[in-house]
Amino acid sequence: MEYLYLSAVEKKPVKPSSEQQTGHAAEIDSAERFQFGRNWLAFLQSVNEEKIAESISALQRMLNVTNLNGQSFLDIGSGSGLASLSAQRLGACVHSFDYDPESVACTREMARRFSAQGWAWSIEEGSVLDGGYMERLGTFDVVYSWGVLHHTGSMWSAIEQAMQCVKPGGVLFIALYNDEGLISTYWKTVKRFYNRHPGARGPLRAIYSPYFVGFGRLINQLRYLSGSRTRRGMTLWYDMVDWLGGYPFEVATPRSVEDFASARHFERINHYYVGSGLGCNEYVFRKSG
């Protein structure tokens, strides 16, 4: 793999392939995909060293490491680029990709603003559902995809593709929406409506913001105080926008994910489950050596 060694003059945007750019734009126009990158570019303005430190701490905790020195790290669906930056600061050689051209631009801007010069970090546009692309990437010590694979429209295929990129003995860290049955069906309806009716987005944010920014803040604070969860450097407002708009939308129970992983020789070594609540279950698996 060819890494981009970032310096003051080497942070140029990747030009998306015309086929992928057309596919992504068509999905946006048909209301079959949310503009995640646009939300991440807005979030980027709030990023500071405190949020970066929170993100680094969360990565260390879930991976149970103090550093990633000398390890290769693949960020599938890099979004803002915050997780990739955290892995880089922990010493990893990082490759980030995203299906959304604006997310790729955001990750590159994150690198421009905050990355250490001379560290290996490659950033490009790509799709986890593109088997040829994933095969060309090779394998990595750590494969990471937080809150992404359930937005591909083919979640189980995306998980399997991600697994193919893990070295024997390597680690897969993914986060997937919790399956809440009828409640998940309700939210899928809301998300579809949000994307198909742009004029309704402002009212929907106004309706749901008291819950997400008010009640959500309380619940998160209790989780942090109890030690069951670590702050990830995120912001409740942009998380809410991502939640309301996040489409395609698929969910999974912890049991179904663990069974899927076990059948492919992955052993769970860490996890965080939201129980009956909204949000993502987090899984860390180790691939059999």
C-alpha atoms as a PDB file:
ATOM      1  CA  MET A   1       0.000   0.000   0.000  1.00  0.00           C
ATOM      2  CA  GLU A   2       1.228   3.467  -0.807  1.00  0.00           C
ATOM      3  CA  TYR A   3       1.031   5.801   2.192  1.00  0.00           C
ATOM      4  CA  LEU A   4       0.804   9.562   2.083  1.00  0.00           C
ATOM      5  CA  TYR A   5       3.449  11.037   4.379  1.00  0.00           C
ATOM      6  CA  LEU A   6       1.773  14.228   5.404  1.00  0.00           C
ATOM      7  CA  SER A   7       3.674  17.469   5.300  1.00  0.00           C
ATOM      8  CA  ALA A   8       2.824  21.108   4.822  1.00  0.00           C
ATOM      9  CA  VAL A   9       2.719  20.668   1.025  1.00  0.00           C
ATOM     10  CA  GLU A  10       1.381  17.122   0.631  1.00  0.00           C
ATOM     11  CA  LYS A  11      -2.263  17.413   1.651  1.00  0.00           C
ATOM     12  CA  LYS A  12      -4.058  17.434  -1.665  1.00  0.00           C
ATOM     13  CA  PRO A  13      -7.658  16.247  -2.067  1.00  0.00           C
ATOM     14  CA  VAL A  14      -8.286  12.923  -3.757  1.00  0.00           C
ATOM     15  CA  LYS A  15     -10.288  13.159  -6.977  1.00  0.00           C
ATOM     16  CA  PRO A  16     -13.197  10.689  -6.736  1.00  0.00           C
ATOM     17  CA  SER A  17     -13.741   8.254  -9.567  1.00  0.00           C
ATOM     18  CA  SER A  18     -16.517   9.476 -11.844  1.00  0.00           C
ATOM     19  CA  GLU A  19     -18.432   6.193 -11.472  1.00  0.00           C
ATOM     20  CA  GLN A  20     -18.433   6.275  -7.679  1.00  0.00           C
ATOM     21  CA  GLN A  21     -19.135  10.003  -7.515  1.00  0.00           C
ATOM     22  CA  THR A  22     -22.091   9.530  -9.861  1.00  0.00           C
ATOM     23  CA  GLY A  23     -23.377   6.590  -7.801  1.00  0.00           C
ATOM     24  CA  HIS A  24     -23.139   8.516  -4.554  1.00  0.00           C
ATOM     25  CA  ALA A  25     -24.781  11.621  -6.019  1.00  0.00           C
ATOM     26  CA  ALA A  26     -27.595   9.524  -7.482  1.00  0.00           C
ATOM     27  CA  GLU A  27     -28.296   7.946  -4.100  1.00  0.00           C
ATOM     28  CA  ILE A  28     -28.410  11.389  -2.491  1.00  0.00           C
ATOM     29  CA  ASP A  29     -30.766  12.703  -5.190  1.00  0.00           C
ATOM     30  CA  SER A  30     -33.078   9.711  -4.844  1.00  0.00           C
ATOM     31  CA  ALA A  31     -33.206  10.186  -1.039  1.00  0.00           C
ATOM     32  CA  GLU A  32     -31.685   6.732  -0.550  1.00  0.00           C
ATOM     33  CA  ARG A  33     -28.614   8.102   1.245  1.00  0.00           C
ATOM     34  CA  PHE A  34     -27.970  10.810   3.822  1.00  0.00           C
ATOM     35  CA  GLN A  35     -25.255  13.422   3.208  1.00  0.00           C
ATOM     36  CA  PHE A  36     -23.049  12.283   6.063  1.00  0.00           C
ATOM     37  CA  GLY A  37     -20.051  14.262   4.824  1.00  0.00           C
ATOM     38  CA  ARG A  38     -21.865  17.568   5.019  1.00  0.00           C
ATOM     39  CA  ASN A  39     -22.666  16.933   8.684  1.00  0.00           C
ATOM     40  CA  TRP A  40     -19.052  15.928   9.380  1.00  0.00           C
ATOM     41  CA  LEU A  41     -17.714  19.098   7.779  1.00  0.00           C
ATOM     42  CA  ALA A  42     -19.910  21.106  10.151  1.00  0.00           C
ATOM     43  CA  PHE A  43     -18.737  18.996  13.117  1.00  0.00           C
ATOM     44  CA  LEU A  44     -15.105  19.619  12.176  1.00  0.00           C
ATOM     45  CA  GLN A  45     -15.414  23.234  13.290  1.00  0.00           C
ATOM     46  CA  SER A  46     -15.921  22.069  16.891  1.00  0.00           C
ATOM     47  CA  VAL A  47     -12.890  19.760  17.023  1.00  0.00           C
ATOM     48  CA  ASN A  48     -10.122  20.759  19.434  1.00  0.00           C
ATOM     49  CA  GLU A  49      -7.398  19.035  21.424  1.00  0.00           C
ATOM     50  CA  GLU A  50      -9.825  18.139  24.209  1.00  0.00           C
ATOM     51  CA  LYS A  51     -12.086  16.220  21.809  1.00  0.00           C
ATOM     52  CA  ILE A  52      -9.084  14.550  20.211  1.00  0.00           C
ATOM     53  CA  ALA A  53      -7.889  13.418  23.649  1.00  0.00           C
ATOM     54  CA  GLU A  54     -11.358  11.967  24.381  1.00  0.00           C
ATOM     55  CA  SER A  55     -11.304  10.072  21.102  1.00  0.00           C
ATOM     56  CA  ILE A  56      -7.824   8.696  21.775  1.00  0.00           C
ATOM     57  CA  SER A  57      -8.877   7.560  25.248  1.00  0.00           C
ATOM     58  CA  ALA A  58     -11.977   5.791  23.891  1.00  0.00           C
ATOM     59  CA  LEU A  59      -9.881   3.950  21.289  1.00  0.00           C
ATOM     60  CA  GLN A  60      -7.320   2.903  23.892  1.00  0.00           C
ATOM     61  CA  ARG A  61     -10.026   1.618  26.206  1.00  0.00           C
ATOM     62  CA  MET A  62     -11.904  -0.486  23.659  1.00  0.00           C
ATOM     63  CA  LEU A  63      -8.727  -1.910  22.097  1.00  0.00           C
ATOM     64  CA  ASN A  64      -7.119  -2.295  25.545  1.00  0.00           C
ATOM     65  CA  VAL A  65      -3.856  -0.703  24.401  1.00  0.00           C
ATOM     66  CA  THR A  66      -1.678   2.213  25.410  1.00  0.00           C
ATOM     67  CA  ASN A  67      -0.347   2.719  21.872  1.00  0.00           C
ATOM     68  CA  LEU A  68      -0.489   1.316  18.341  1.00  0.00           C
ATOM     69  CA  ASN A  69       3.178   1.757  17.527  1.00  0.00           C
ATOM     70  CA  GLY A  70       4.140  -0.002  14.308  1.00  0.00           C
ATOM     71  CA  GLN A  71       0.645  -1.354  13.656  1.00  0.00           C
ATOM     72  CA  SER A  72      -1.434  -0.873  10.516  1.00  0.00           C
ATOM     73  CA  PHE A  73      -4.908   0.619  11.001  1.00  0.00           C
ATOM     74  CA  LEU A  74      -7.763   0.623   8.477  1.00  0.00           C
ATOM     75  CA  ASP A  75     -10.604   3.098   9.043  1.00  0.00           C
ATOM     76  CA  ILE A  76     -13.635   2.042   6.985  1.00  0.00           C
ATOM     77  CA  GLY A  77     -15.963   4.998   6.524  1.00  0.00           C
ATOM     78  CA  SER A  78     -13.672   7.551   8.121  1.00  0.00           C
ATOM     79  CA  GLY A  79     -16.322  10.304   8.298  1.00  0.00           C
ATOM     80  CA  SER A  80     -14.759  13.255  10.094  1.00  0.00           C
ATOM     81  CA  GLY A  81     -11.370  11.543  10.329  1.00  0.00           C
ATOM     82  CA  LEU A  82     -11.253  11.860  14.128  1.00  0.00           C
ATOM     83  CA  ALA A  83     -10.751   8.130  14.758  1.00  0.00           C
ATOM     84  CA  SER A  84      -8.059   7.951  12.086  1.00  0.00           C
ATOM     85  CA  LEU A  85      -6.291  10.909  13.671  1.00  0.00           C
ATOM     86  CA  SER A  86      -6.484   9.210  17.070  1.00  0.00           C
ATOM     87  CA  ALA A  87      -4.961   6.009  15.696  1.00  0.00           C
ATOM     88  CA  GLN A  88      -2.208   8.005  14.020  1.00  0.00           C
ATOM     89  CA  ARG A  89      -1.374   9.811  17.249  1.00  0.00           C
ATOM     90  CA  LEU A  90      -1.190   6.413  18.964  1.00  0.00           C
ATOM     91  CA  GLY A  91       1.538   5.463  16.484  1.00  0.00           C
ATOM     92  CA  ALA A  92      -0.329   3.506  13.797  1.00  0.00           C
ATOM     93  CA  CYS A  93       0.173   3.633  10.036  1.00  0.00           C
ATOM     94  CA  VAL A  94      -3.345   4.588   8.932  1.00  0.00           C
ATOM     95  CA  HIS A  95      -5.383   4.102   5.781  1.00  0.00           C
ATOM     96  CA  SER A  96      -8.749   5.896   5.711  1.00  0.00           C
ATOM     97  CA  PHE A  97     -11.460   5.681   3.102  1.00  0.00           C
ATOM     98  CA  ASP A  98     -15.075   6.720   2.738  1.00  0.00           C
ATOM     99  CA  TYR A  99     -17.803   6.360   0.135  1.00  0.00           C
ATOM    100  CA  ASP A 100     -18.867   9.993   0.556  1.00  0.00           C
ATOM    101  CA  PRO A 101     -16.587  12.520  -1.239  1.00  0.00           C
ATOM    102  CA  GLU A 102     -17.383  15.193   1.366  1.00  0.00           C
ATOM    103  CA  SER A 103     -16.341  12.817   4.149  1.00  0.00           C
ATOM    104  CA  VAL A 104     -13.073  12.212   2.321  1.00  0.00           C
ATOM    105  CA  ALA A 105     -12.598  15.984   2.139  1.00  0.00           C
ATOM    106  CA  CYS A 106     -13.363  16.270   5.859  1.00  0.00           C
ATOM    107  CA  THR A 107     -10.855  13.553   6.777  1.00  0.00           C
ATOM    108  CA  ARG A 108      -8.213  15.331   4.705  1.00  0.00           C
ATOM    109  CA  GLU A 109      -8.978  18.623   6.407  1.00  0.00           C
ATOM    110  CA  MET A 110      -8.737  16.897   9.804  1.00  0.00           C
ATOM    111  CA  ALA A 111      -5.311  15.641   8.758  1.00  0.00           C
ATOM    112  CA  ARG A 112      -4.261  19.085   7.530  1.00  0.00           C
ATOM    113  CA  ARG A 113      -5.219  20.736  10.801  1.00  0.00           C
ATOM    114  CA  PHE A 114      -4.163  18.212  13.411  1.00  0.00           C
ATOM    115  CA  SER A 115      -1.890  15.433  12.089  1.00  0.00           C
ATOM    116  CA  ALA A 116       1.751  15.116  13.002  1.00  0.00           C
ATOM    117  CA  GLN A 117       4.027  15.771  10.052  1.00  0.00           C
ATOM    118  CA  GLY A 118       5.893  12.844   8.607  1.00  0.00           C
ATOM    119  CA  TRP A 119       3.452  10.161   9.843  1.00  0.00           C
ATOM    120  CA  ALA A 120       1.988   7.599   7.451  1.00  0.00           C
ATOM    121  CA  TRP A 121      -1.655   8.329   6.711  1.00  0.00           C
ATOM    122  CA  SER A 122      -3.314   7.640   3.356  1.00  0.00           C
ATOM    123  CA  ILE A 123      -6.805   8.944   2.618  1.00  0.00           C
ATOM    124  CA  GLU A 124      -8.979   8.116  -0.372  1.00  0.00           C
ATOM    125  CA  GLU A 125     -12.471   7.454  -1.649  1.00  0.00           C
ATOM    126  CA  GLY A 126     -13.668   3.852  -1.713  1.00  0.00           C
ATOM    127  CA  SER A 127     -16.536   1.515  -0.895  1.00  0.00           C
ATOM    128  CA  VAL A 128     -16.502  -1.372   1.561  1.00  0.00           C
ATOM    129  CA  LEU A 129     -18.918  -3.165  -0.792  1.00  0.00           C
ATOM    130  CA  ASP A 130     -16.394  -3.038  -3.640  1.00  0.00           C
ATOM    131  CA  GLY A 131     -14.754  -6.456  -3.327  1.00  0.00           C
ATOM    132  CA  GLY A 132     -11.948  -5.623  -5.753  1.00  0.00           C
ATOM    133  CA  TYR A 133     -11.047  -2.451  -3.861  1.00  0.00           C
ATOM    134  CA  MET A 134     -11.089  -4.221  -0.479  1.00  0.00           C
ATOM    135  CA  GLU A 135      -8.903  -7.032  -1.785  1.00  0.00           C
ATOM    136  CA  ARG A 136      -6.351  -4.545  -3.096  1.00  0.00           C
ATOM    137  CA  LEU A 137      -6.071  -2.948   0.336  1.00  0.00           C
ATOM    138  CA  GLY A 138      -4.582  -6.104   1.827  1.00  0.00           C
ATOM    139  CA  THR A 139      -4.757  -6.899   5.548  1.00  0.00           C
ATOM    140  CA  PHE A 140      -4.270  -4.809   8.690  1.00  0.00           C
ATOM    141  CA  ASP A 141      -3.513  -5.261  12.371  1.00  0.00           C
ATOM    142  CA  VAL A 142      -6.596  -3.233  13.304  1.00  0.00           C
ATOM    143  CA  VAL A 143      -9.713  -2.783  11.160  1.00  0.00           C
ATOM    144  CA  TYR A 144     -12.066  -0.130  12.518  1.00  0.00           C
ATOM    145  CA  SER A 145     -15.538   0.908  11.416  1.00  0.00           C
ATOM    146  CA  TRP A 146     -17.669   2.816  13.918  1.00  0.00           C
ATOM    147  CA  GLY A 147     -21.317   3.355  12.993  1.00  0.00           C
ATOM    148  CA  VAL A 148     -20.763   2.842   9.262  1.00  0.00           C
ATOM    149  CA  LEU A 149     -21.526  -0.668   8.048  1.00  0.00           C
ATOM    150  CA  HIS A 150     -25.228  -0.402   8.911  1.00  0.00           C
ATOM    151  CA  HIS A 151     -25.478   2.572   6.509  1.00  0.00           C
ATOM    152  CA  THR A 152     -24.219   0.725   3.418  1.00  0.00           C
ATOM    153  CA  GLY A 153     -27.540  -0.860   2.441  1.00  0.00           C
ATOM    154  CA  SER A 154     -25.937  -4.316   2.710  1.00  0.00           C
ATOM    155  CA  MET A 155     -24.723  -4.559   6.302  1.00  0.00           C
ATOM    156  CA  TRP A 156     -23.810  -8.245   6.538  1.00  0.00           C
ATOM    157  CA  SER A 157     -21.871  -8.143   3.279  1.00  0.00           C
ATOM    158  CA  ALA A 158     -20.061  -5.046   4.538  1.00  0.00           C
ATOM    159  CA  ILE A 159     -19.139  -6.780   7.805  1.00  0.00           C
ATOM    160  CA  GLU A 160     -17.781  -9.764   5.888  1.00  0.00           C
ATOM    161  CA  GLN A 161     -15.729  -7.522   3.613  1.00  0.00           C
ATOM    162  CA  ALA A 162     -14.287  -5.755   6.662  1.00  0.00           C
ATOM    163  CA  MET A 163     -13.363  -9.115   8.184  1.00  0.00           C
ATOM    164  CA  GLN A 164     -11.401 -10.031   5.063  1.00  0.00           C
ATOM    165  CA  CYS A 165      -9.035  -7.133   5.777  1.00  0.00           C
ATOM    166  CA  VAL A 166      -8.038  -8.339   9.254  1.00  0.00           C
ATOM    167  CA  LYS A 167      -4.688 -10.098   9.601  1.00  0.00           C
ATOM    168  CA  PRO A 168      -4.621 -13.463  11.391  1.00  0.00           C
ATOM    169  CA  GLY A 169      -4.337 -12.496  15.048  1.00  0.00           C
ATOM    170  CA  GLY A 170      -5.522  -8.988  14.199  1.00  0.00           C
ATOM    171  CA  VAL A 171      -8.461  -7.049  15.607  1.00  0.00           C
ATOM    172  CA  LEU A 172     -11.810  -5.915  14.211  1.00  0.00           C
ATOM    173  CA  PHE A 173     -13.537  -3.023  16.024  1.00  0.00           C
ATOM    174  CA  ILE A 174     -17.026  -2.239  14.742  1.00  0.00           C
ATOM    175  CA  ALA A 175     -20.126  -0.467  16.056  1.00  0.00           C
ATOM    176  CA  LEU A 176     -23.595  -1.329  14.771  1.00  0.00           C
ATOM    177  CA  TYR A 177     -27.093  -0.072  15.535  1.00  0.00           C
ATOM    178  CA  ASN A 178     -28.898  -2.036  18.221  1.00  0.00           C
ATOM    179  CA  ASP A 179     -31.978  -3.968  17.083  1.00  0.00           C
ATOM    180  CA  GLU A 180     -34.956  -2.748  19.121  1.00  0.00           C
ATOM    181  CA  GLY A 181     -37.699  -4.396  17.107  1.00  0.00           C
ATOM    182  CA  LEU A 182     -40.681  -2.103  16.556  1.00  0.00           C
ATOM    183  CA  ILE A 183     -38.757   0.918  17.827  1.00  0.00           C
ATOM    184  CA  SER A 184     -36.119   0.365  15.150  1.00  0.00           C
ATOM    185  CA  THR A 185     -38.889   0.111  12.544  1.00  0.00           C
ATOM    186  CA  TYR A 186     -40.238   3.456  13.766  1.00  0.00           C
ATOM    187  CA  TRP A 187     -36.849   5.130  13.415  1.00  0.00           C
ATOM    188  CA  LYS A 188     -36.349   3.702   9.945  1.00  0.00           C
ATOM    189  CA  THR A 189     -39.603   5.400   8.935  1.00  0.00           C
ATOM    190  CA  VAL A 190     -38.457   8.699  10.448  1.00  0.00           C
ATOM    191  CA  LYS A 191     -35.110   8.516   8.677  1.00  0.00           C
ATOM    192  CA  ARG A 192     -36.680   7.734   5.310  1.00  0.00           C
ATOM    193  CA  PHE A 193     -39.078  10.670   5.728  1.00  0.00           C
ATOM    194  CA  TYR A 194     -36.205  12.980   6.771  1.00  0.00           C
ATOM    195  CA  ASN A 195     -34.281  12.222   3.586  1.00  0.00           C
ATOM    196  CA  ARG A 196     -37.236  12.329   1.204  1.00  0.00           C
ATOM    197  CA  HIS A 197     -38.636  15.644   2.454  1.00  0.00           C
ATOM    198  CA  PRO A 198     -35.919  18.317   2.840  1.00  0.00           C
ATOM    199  CA  GLY A 199     -38.466  20.880   4.026  1.00  0.00           C
ATOM    200  CA  ALA A 200     -39.286  18.714   7.037  1.00  0.00           C
ATOM    201  CA  ARG A 201     -35.708  18.457   8.309  1.00  0.00           C
ATOM    202  CA  GLY A 202     -35.744  21.679  10.326  1.00  0.00           C
ATOM    203  CA  PRO A 203     -39.048  20.851  12.076  1.00  0.00           C
ATOM    204  CA  LEU A 204     -37.882  17.292  12.790  1.00  0.00           C
ATOM    205  CA  ARG A 205     -34.683  18.590  14.388  1.00  0.00           C
ATOM    206  CA  ALA A 206     -36.738  20.991  16.502  1.00  0.00           C
ATOM    207  CA  ILE A 207     -39.086  18.189  17.575  1.00  0.00           C
ATOM    208  CA  TYR A 208     -36.368  15.725  18.543  1.00  0.00           C
ATOM    209  CA  SER A 209     -33.627  18.033  19.853  1.00  0.00           C
ATOM    210  CA  PRO A 210     -35.084  18.244  23.406  1.00  0.00           C
ATOM    211  CA  TYR A 211     -34.818  14.461  23.631  1.00  0.00           C
ATOM    212  CA  PHE A 212     -31.393  14.024  22.049  1.00  0.00           C
ATOM    213  CA  VAL A 213     -29.642  17.121  23.376  1.00  0.00           C
ATOM    214  CA  GLY A 214     -31.446  17.207  26.726  1.00  0.00           C
ATOM    215  CA  PHE A 215     -32.326  13.680  27.811  1.00  0.00           C
ATOM    216  CA  GLY A 216     -29.502  12.241  25.724  1.00  0.00           C
ATOM    217  CA  ARG A 217     -26.976  14.427  27.529  1.00  0.00           C
ATOM    218  CA  LEU A 218     -28.251  13.171  30.900  1.00  0.00           C
ATOM    219  CA  ILE A 219     -28.085   9.504  29.880  1.00  0.00           C
ATOM    220  CA  ASN A 220     -24.585   9.875  28.447  1.00  0.00           C
ATOM    221  CA  GLN A 221     -23.398  11.698  31.544  1.00  0.00           C
ATOM    222  CA  LEU A 222     -24.673   8.869  33.767  1.00  0.00           C
ATOM    223  CA  ARG A 223     -22.887   6.335  31.566  1.00  0.00           C
ATOM    224  CA  TYR A 224     -19.647   8.309  31.746  1.00  0.00           C
ATOM    225  CA  LEU A 225     -19.870   8.731  35.518  1.00  0.00           C
ATOM    226  CA  SER A 226     -20.542   5.019  35.993  1.00  0.00           C
ATOM    227  CA  GLY A 227     -17.473   4.205  33.930  1.00  0.00           C
ATOM    228  CA  SER A 228     -19.460   2.065  31.494  1.00  0.00           C
ATOM    229  CA  ARG A 229     -18.647   4.338  28.581  1.00  0.00           C
ATOM    230  CA  THR A 230     -15.859   6.675  27.521  1.00  0.00           C
ATOM    231  CA  ARG A 231     -16.389   9.971  25.703  1.00  0.00           C
ATOM    232  CA  ARG A 232     -15.494   9.689  22.023  1.00  0.00           C
ATOM    233  CA  GLY A 233     -14.934  13.377  21.282  1.00  0.00           C
ATOM    234  CA  MET A 234     -18.327  13.702  19.597  1.00  0.00           C
ATOM    235  CA  THR A 235     -21.001  16.419  19.899  1.00  0.00           C
ATOM    236  CA  LEU A 236     -24.647  15.710  20.759  1.00  0.00           C
ATOM    237  CA  TRP A 237     -26.058  18.077  18.129  1.00  0.00           C
ATOM    238  CA  TYR A 238     -24.166  16.523  15.207  1.00  0.00           C
ATOM    239  CA  ASP A 239     -24.845  13.052  16.594  1.00  0.00           C
ATOM    240  CA  MET A 240     -28.564  13.909  16.541  1.00  0.00           C
ATOM    241  CA  VAL A 241     -28.429  15.121  12.927  1.00  0.00           C
ATOM    242  CA  ASP A 242     -26.541  11.970  11.977  1.00  0.00           C
ATOM    243  CA  TRP A 243     -29.143   9.837  13.762  1.00  0.00           C
ATOM    244  CA  LEU A 244     -32.168  11.529  12.181  1.00  0.00           C
ATOM    245  CA  GLY A 245     -30.689  11.465   8.689  1.00  0.00           C
ATOM    246  CA  GLY A 246     -28.692   8.240   8.872  1.00  0.00           C
ATOM    247  CA  TYR A 247     -30.030   6.227   5.973  1.00  0.00           C
ATOM    248  CA  PRO A 248     -29.754   3.425   4.736  1.00  0.00           C
ATOM    249  CA  PHE A 249     -30.511   1.996   8.169  1.00  0.00           C
ATOM    250  CA  GLU A 250     -30.020  -1.579   9.365  1.00  0.00           C
ATOM    251  CA  VAL A 251     -29.844  -3.036  12.865  1.00  0.00           C
ATOM    252  CA  ALA A 252     -28.534  -6.163  14.561  1.00  0.00           C
ATOM    253  CA  THR A 253     -28.769  -7.906  17.908  1.00  0.00           C
ATOM    254  CA  PRO A 254     -25.530  -8.634  19.756  1.00  0.00           C
ATOM    255  CA  ARG A 255     -26.237 -12.369  19.479  1.00  0.00           C
ATOM    256  CA  SER A 256     -26.588 -12.241  15.692  1.00  0.00           C
ATOM    257  CA  VAL A 257     -23.330 -10.305  15.316  1.00  0.00           C
ATOM    258  CA  GLU A 258     -21.426 -12.594  17.676  1.00  0.00           C
ATOM    259  CA  ASP A 259     -22.712 -15.706  15.909  1.00  0.00           C
ATOM    260  CA  PHE A 260     -21.786 -14.226  12.523  1.00  0.00           C
ATOM    261  CA  ALA A 261     -18.279 -13.443  13.767  1.00  0.00           C
ATOM    262  CA  SER A 262     -17.772 -16.790  15.490  1.00  0.00           C
ATOM    263  CA  ALA A 263     -18.664 -18.664  12.304  1.00  0.00           C
ATOM    264  CA  ARG A 264     -15.817 -16.777  10.608  1.00  0.00           C
ATOM    265  CA  HIS A 265     -13.266 -17.508  13.345  1.00  0.00           C
ATOM    266  CA  PHE A 266     -13.483 -14.194  15.188  1.00  0.00           C
ATOM    267  CA  GLU A 267     -13.562 -14.215  18.991  1.00  0.00           C
ATOM    268  CA  ARG A 268     -15.090 -11.323  20.923  1.00  0.00           C
ATOM    269  CA  ILE A 269     -12.505  -9.789  23.267  1.00  0.00           C
ATOM    270  CA  ASN A 270     -14.318  -6.605  24.310  1.00  0.00           C
ATOM    271  CA  HIS A 271     -17.718  -4.999  23.916  1.00  0.00           C
ATOM    272  CA  TYR A 272     -20.088  -2.252  24.975  1.00  0.00           C
ATOM    273  CA  TYR A 273     -23.830  -2.888  24.609  1.00  0.00           C
ATOM    274  CA  VAL A 274     -26.525  -0.232  24.946  1.00  0.00           C
ATOM    275  CA  GLY A 275     -29.035  -2.744  26.309  1.00  0.00           C
ATOM    276  CA  SER A 276     -32.550  -1.647  25.454  1.00  0.00           C
ATOM    277  CA  GLY A 277     -31.446   1.878  24.544  1.00  0.00           C
ATOM    278  CA  LEU A 278     -30.874   3.700  21.281  1.00  0.00           C
ATOM    279  CA  GLY A 279     -27.502   3.787  19.635  1.00  0.00           C
ATOM    280  CA  CYS A 280     -24.675   1.462  18.686  1.00  0.00           C
ATOM    281  CA  ASN A 281     -23.377  -1.707  20.236  1.00  0.00           C
ATOM    282  CA  GLU A 282     -19.596  -1.836  20.072  1.00  0.00           C
ATOM    283  CA  TYR A 283     -17.708  -5.057  19.338  1.00  0.00           C
ATOM    284  CA  VAL A 284     -14.018  -5.864  19.382  1.00  0.00           C
ATOM    285  CA  PHE A 285     -13.129  -9.233  17.837  1.00  0.00           C
ATOM    286  CA  ARG A 286      -9.805 -10.986  17.395  1.00  0.00           C
ATOM    287  CA  LYS A 287      -9.260 -13.093  14.286  1.00  0.00           C
ATOM    288  CA  SER A 288      -7.979 -16.596  14.836  1.00  0.00           C
ATOM    289  CA  GLY A 289      -4.277 -16.881  14.124  1.00  0.00           C
END
